C-alpha cells in the first residue's frame, strides 16, 4: 500500500534566481491552486495570491509570468517502521 505524504512542498523557481518554498496539505490542494489560479494567468504580470500555511496575517503574492519552474515534493514526517520491533532485533 503506498504511503500518503503528510504535506506537499512546492518550490517556486522565480526569475532572477530567487526561490520560494510553499507547503500544501495535499496534492489536490496544490493542483486546485495551480490549475485555478496560476495556469489561467500564466502570462500575466498581475500579482496572484500564494497560499501560505504559516502564522495568520502572513501572505505572499507573485507574478505568474515570473515563475520559471515548479518542483513538487511529497514530505513524510514519520516512518512506518515499528521502532520497538527494530530494537528487539
N, C-alpha and C. Protein backbone atom coordinates (compact mmCIF):
# COMPACT_ATOMS: atom_id res chain seq x y z
N UNK A 1 0.84 -1.17 0.00
CA UNK A 1 0.00 0.00 0.00
C UNK A 1 0.90 1.24 0.00
N UNK A 2 0.66 2.19 -0.93
CA UNK A 2 1.51 3.38 -0.99
C UNK A 2 1.27 4.29 0.22
N UNK A 3 2.33 4.94 0.63
CA UNK A 3 2.22 5.89 1.75
C UNK A 3 1.61 7.19 1.27
N UNK A 4 0.92 7.85 2.17
CA UNK A 4 0.35 9.16 1.88
C UNK A 4 1.25 10.22 2.51
N UNK A 5 1.67 11.21 1.73
CA UNK A 5 2.55 12.24 2.30
C UNK A 5 1.81 13.07 3.35
N UNK A 6 2.55 13.56 4.33
CA UNK A 6 1.97 14.41 5.37
C UNK A 6 1.71 15.82 4.86
N UNK A 7 2.48 16.24 3.89
CA UNK A 7 2.26 17.53 3.23
C UNK A 7 3.03 17.53 1.91
N UNK A 8 2.78 18.55 1.11
CA UNK A 8 3.42 18.70 -0.19
C UNK A 8 4.25 19.98 -0.17
N UNK A 9 5.55 19.85 -0.42
CA UNK A 9 6.42 21.02 -0.50
C UNK A 9 6.53 21.43 -1.97
N UNK A 10 6.27 22.69 -2.23
CA UNK A 10 6.33 23.23 -3.59
C UNK A 10 7.43 24.29 -3.63
N UNK A 11 8.37 24.10 -4.53
CA UNK A 11 9.49 25.04 -4.69
C UNK A 11 9.24 25.82 -5.97
N UNK A 12 9.06 27.13 -5.83
CA UNK A 12 8.85 28.00 -6.99
C UNK A 12 10.19 28.61 -7.38
N UNK A 13 10.62 28.36 -8.60
CA UNK A 13 11.86 28.94 -9.12
C UNK A 13 11.47 30.19 -9.89
N UNK A 14 11.91 31.33 -9.39
CA UNK A 14 11.46 32.62 -9.91
C UNK A 14 12.61 33.28 -10.66
N UNK A 15 12.25 34.08 -11.68
CA UNK A 15 13.29 34.75 -12.46
C UNK A 15 14.16 35.60 -11.54
N UNK A 16 15.41 35.74 -11.91
CA UNK A 16 16.37 36.44 -11.08
C UNK A 16 17.08 35.51 -10.11
N UNK A 17 16.77 34.21 -10.18
CA UNK A 17 17.42 33.24 -9.32
C UNK A 17 16.80 33.05 -7.96
N UNK A 18 15.68 33.70 -7.71
CA UNK A 18 15.02 33.56 -6.41
C UNK A 18 14.27 32.24 -6.33
N UNK A 19 14.14 31.74 -5.12
CA UNK A 19 13.38 30.51 -4.86
C UNK A 19 12.44 30.77 -3.70
N UNK A 20 11.22 30.30 -3.85
CA UNK A 20 10.25 30.38 -2.77
C UNK A 20 9.77 28.98 -2.45
N UNK A 21 9.54 28.73 -1.17
CA UNK A 21 9.14 27.41 -0.69
C UNK A 21 7.75 27.55 -0.06
N UNK A 22 6.78 26.81 -0.58
CA UNK A 22 5.40 26.87 -0.09
C UNK A 22 4.96 25.44 0.22
N UNK A 23 4.15 25.28 1.27
CA UNK A 23 3.66 23.95 1.63
C UNK A 23 2.15 23.88 1.48
N UNK A 24 1.69 22.76 0.96
CA UNK A 24 0.26 22.47 0.83
C UNK A 24 -0.03 21.21 1.63
N UNK A 25 -1.27 21.07 2.12
CA UNK A 25 -1.60 19.89 2.91
C UNK A 25 -1.78 18.65 2.05
N UNK A 26 -2.28 18.82 0.83
CA UNK A 26 -2.48 17.67 -0.07
C UNK A 26 -2.07 18.05 -1.49
N UNK A 27 -1.84 17.04 -2.31
CA UNK A 27 -1.53 17.29 -3.72
C UNK A 27 -2.74 17.89 -4.42
N UNK A 28 -3.93 17.49 -3.99
CA UNK A 28 -5.16 18.03 -4.59
C UNK A 28 -5.28 19.53 -4.32
N UNK A 29 -4.88 19.96 -3.12
CA UNK A 29 -4.92 21.39 -2.79
C UNK A 29 -3.97 22.17 -3.70
N UNK A 30 -2.77 21.63 -3.91
CA UNK A 30 -1.81 22.27 -4.82
C UNK A 30 -2.36 22.32 -6.23
N UNK A 31 -2.91 21.19 -6.72
CA UNK A 31 -3.44 21.14 -8.08
C UNK A 31 -4.57 22.13 -8.28
N UNK A 32 -5.41 22.29 -7.27
CA UNK A 32 -6.53 23.25 -7.36
C UNK A 32 -5.98 24.67 -7.50
N UNK A 33 -4.97 25.03 -6.69
CA UNK A 33 -4.38 26.36 -6.78
C UNK A 33 -3.67 26.54 -8.12
N UNK A 34 -2.90 25.53 -8.53
CA UNK A 34 -2.14 25.59 -9.78
C UNK A 34 -3.06 25.76 -10.98
N UNK A 35 -4.08 24.92 -11.08
CA UNK A 35 -4.99 24.95 -12.23
C UNK A 35 -5.97 26.11 -12.18
N UNK A 36 -6.37 26.51 -10.97
CA UNK A 36 -7.38 27.55 -10.85
C UNK A 36 -6.83 28.96 -10.81
N UNK A 37 -5.61 29.13 -10.33
CA UNK A 37 -5.04 30.47 -10.17
C UNK A 37 -3.85 30.70 -11.09
N UNK A 38 -2.91 29.79 -11.07
CA UNK A 38 -1.64 30.01 -11.77
C UNK A 38 -1.74 29.82 -13.28
N UNK A 39 -2.29 28.71 -13.74
CA UNK A 39 -2.35 28.43 -15.18
C UNK A 39 -3.17 29.47 -15.95
N UNK A 40 -4.36 29.85 -15.48
CA UNK A 40 -5.13 30.84 -16.26
C UNK A 40 -4.42 32.18 -16.42
N UNK A 41 -3.51 32.51 -15.52
CA UNK A 41 -2.82 33.81 -15.58
C UNK A 41 -1.33 33.64 -15.84
N UNK A 42 -0.94 32.56 -16.49
CA UNK A 42 0.48 32.23 -16.63
C UNK A 42 1.30 33.32 -17.33
N UNK A 43 0.71 34.09 -18.21
CA UNK A 43 1.43 35.16 -18.90
C UNK A 43 1.23 36.53 -18.26
N UNK A 44 0.49 36.58 -17.17
CA UNK A 44 0.11 37.84 -16.55
C UNK A 44 1.24 38.44 -15.72
N UNK A 45 1.31 39.77 -15.73
CA UNK A 45 2.22 40.49 -14.84
C UNK A 45 1.49 40.96 -13.59
N UNK A 46 0.20 40.64 -13.47
CA UNK A 46 -0.56 40.97 -12.27
C UNK A 46 -0.16 40.02 -11.15
N UNK A 47 -0.29 40.47 -9.92
CA UNK A 47 0.02 39.63 -8.77
C UNK A 47 -1.12 38.66 -8.49
N UNK A 48 -0.78 37.45 -8.06
CA UNK A 48 -1.77 36.47 -7.58
C UNK A 48 -1.33 36.03 -6.19
N UNK A 49 -2.30 35.65 -5.39
CA UNK A 49 -2.01 35.18 -4.03
C UNK A 49 -1.44 33.77 -4.04
N UNK A 50 -0.47 33.54 -3.18
CA UNK A 50 0.09 32.22 -2.96
C UNK A 50 -0.33 31.81 -1.54
N UNK A 51 -1.06 30.72 -1.40
CA UNK A 51 -1.50 30.34 -0.05
C UNK A 51 -0.32 29.88 0.81
N UNK A 52 -0.24 30.42 2.01
CA UNK A 52 0.82 30.05 2.95
C UNK A 52 0.20 29.34 4.14
N UNK A 53 0.87 28.31 4.62
CA UNK A 53 0.38 27.55 5.77
C UNK A 53 1.16 27.92 7.02
N UNK A 54 1.44 29.20 7.19
CA UNK A 54 2.19 29.65 8.35
C UNK A 54 1.27 30.44 9.26
N UNK A 55 1.82 31.31 10.05
CA UNK A 55 1.01 32.08 11.00
C UNK A 55 0.02 32.98 10.28
N UNK A 56 -1.05 33.28 10.96
CA UNK A 56 -2.08 34.12 10.37
C UNK A 56 -1.53 35.52 10.12
N UNK A 57 -2.05 36.15 9.10
CA UNK A 57 -1.63 37.51 8.78
C UNK A 57 -0.47 37.57 7.80
N UNK A 58 0.16 36.43 7.52
CA UNK A 58 1.26 36.41 6.57
C UNK A 58 0.73 35.97 5.22
N UNK A 59 1.18 36.62 4.17
CA UNK A 59 0.75 36.25 2.83
C UNK A 59 1.87 36.53 1.84
N UNK A 60 1.73 35.95 0.65
CA UNK A 60 2.71 36.18 -0.40
C UNK A 60 1.95 36.36 -1.70
N UNK A 61 2.42 37.26 -2.52
CA UNK A 61 1.88 37.42 -3.87
C UNK A 61 3.04 37.28 -4.85
N UNK A 62 2.71 36.83 -6.04
CA UNK A 62 3.75 36.61 -7.05
C UNK A 62 3.16 36.87 -8.43
N UNK A 63 4.02 37.27 -9.35
CA UNK A 63 3.59 37.43 -10.74
C UNK A 63 3.75 36.08 -11.43
N UNK A 64 2.67 35.50 -11.94
CA UNK A 64 2.76 34.18 -12.58
C UNK A 64 3.79 34.13 -13.72
N UNK A 65 3.94 35.21 -14.45
CA UNK A 65 4.89 35.22 -15.58
C UNK A 65 6.34 35.15 -15.09
N UNK A 66 6.58 35.42 -13.80
CA UNK A 66 7.94 35.39 -13.26
C UNK A 66 8.35 34.00 -12.80
N UNK A 67 7.41 33.06 -12.76
CA UNK A 67 7.73 31.70 -12.32
C UNK A 67 8.32 30.93 -13.49
N UNK A 68 9.56 30.47 -13.33
CA UNK A 68 10.26 29.76 -14.39
C UNK A 68 10.14 28.25 -14.25
N UNK A 69 9.94 27.78 -13.02
CA UNK A 69 9.84 26.34 -12.79
C UNK A 69 9.19 26.06 -11.45
N UNK A 70 8.63 24.86 -11.35
CA UNK A 70 7.99 24.42 -10.11
C UNK A 70 8.45 23.00 -9.82
N UNK A 71 8.88 22.78 -8.59
CA UNK A 71 9.25 21.43 -8.15
C UNK A 71 8.29 21.04 -7.04
N UNK A 72 7.65 19.87 -7.18
CA UNK A 72 6.69 19.39 -6.20
C UNK A 72 7.28 18.16 -5.52
N UNK A 73 7.31 18.19 -4.19
CA UNK A 73 7.96 17.13 -3.42
C UNK A 73 7.06 16.65 -2.28
N UNK A 74 6.76 15.36 -2.22
CA UNK A 74 6.00 14.85 -1.09
C UNK A 74 6.88 14.84 0.17
N UNK A 75 6.30 15.20 1.30
CA UNK A 75 7.04 15.23 2.56
C UNK A 75 6.41 14.23 3.52
N UNK A 76 7.24 13.32 4.03
CA UNK A 76 6.81 12.32 5.00
C UNK A 76 7.43 12.67 6.34
N UNK A 77 6.61 12.96 7.34
CA UNK A 77 7.11 13.39 8.64
C UNK A 77 7.36 12.24 9.59
N UNK A 78 6.81 11.07 9.31
CA UNK A 78 7.02 9.94 10.20
C UNK A 78 7.35 8.70 9.39
N UNK A 79 7.79 7.70 10.07
CA UNK A 79 8.16 6.44 9.44
C UNK A 79 7.11 5.39 9.74
N UNK A 80 6.94 4.44 8.85
CA UNK A 80 6.02 3.34 9.08
C UNK A 80 6.68 2.21 9.85
N UNK A 81 7.96 2.33 10.18
CA UNK A 81 8.66 1.27 10.89
C UNK A 81 8.26 1.25 12.35
N UNK A 82 8.13 0.09 12.89
CA UNK A 82 7.87 -0.07 14.32
C UNK A 82 9.22 -0.05 15.03
N UNK A 83 9.52 1.03 15.72
CA UNK A 83 10.83 1.18 16.35
C UNK A 83 11.07 0.15 17.45
N UNK A 84 10.02 -0.31 18.12
CA UNK A 84 10.19 -1.35 19.14
C UNK A 84 10.63 -2.66 18.51
N UNK A 85 10.06 -2.95 17.34
CA UNK A 85 10.44 -4.17 16.65
C UNK A 85 11.89 -4.10 16.23
N UNK A 86 12.37 -2.96 15.78
CA UNK A 86 13.77 -2.80 15.38
C UNK A 86 14.70 -2.99 16.57
N UNK A 87 14.30 -2.49 17.75
CA UNK A 87 15.14 -2.59 18.94
C UNK A 87 15.27 -4.03 19.41
N UNK A 88 14.25 -4.84 19.18
CA UNK A 88 14.28 -6.24 19.59
C UNK A 88 15.18 -7.08 18.71
N UNK A 89 15.44 -6.64 17.51
CA UNK A 89 16.23 -7.45 16.57
C UNK A 89 17.70 -7.36 16.81
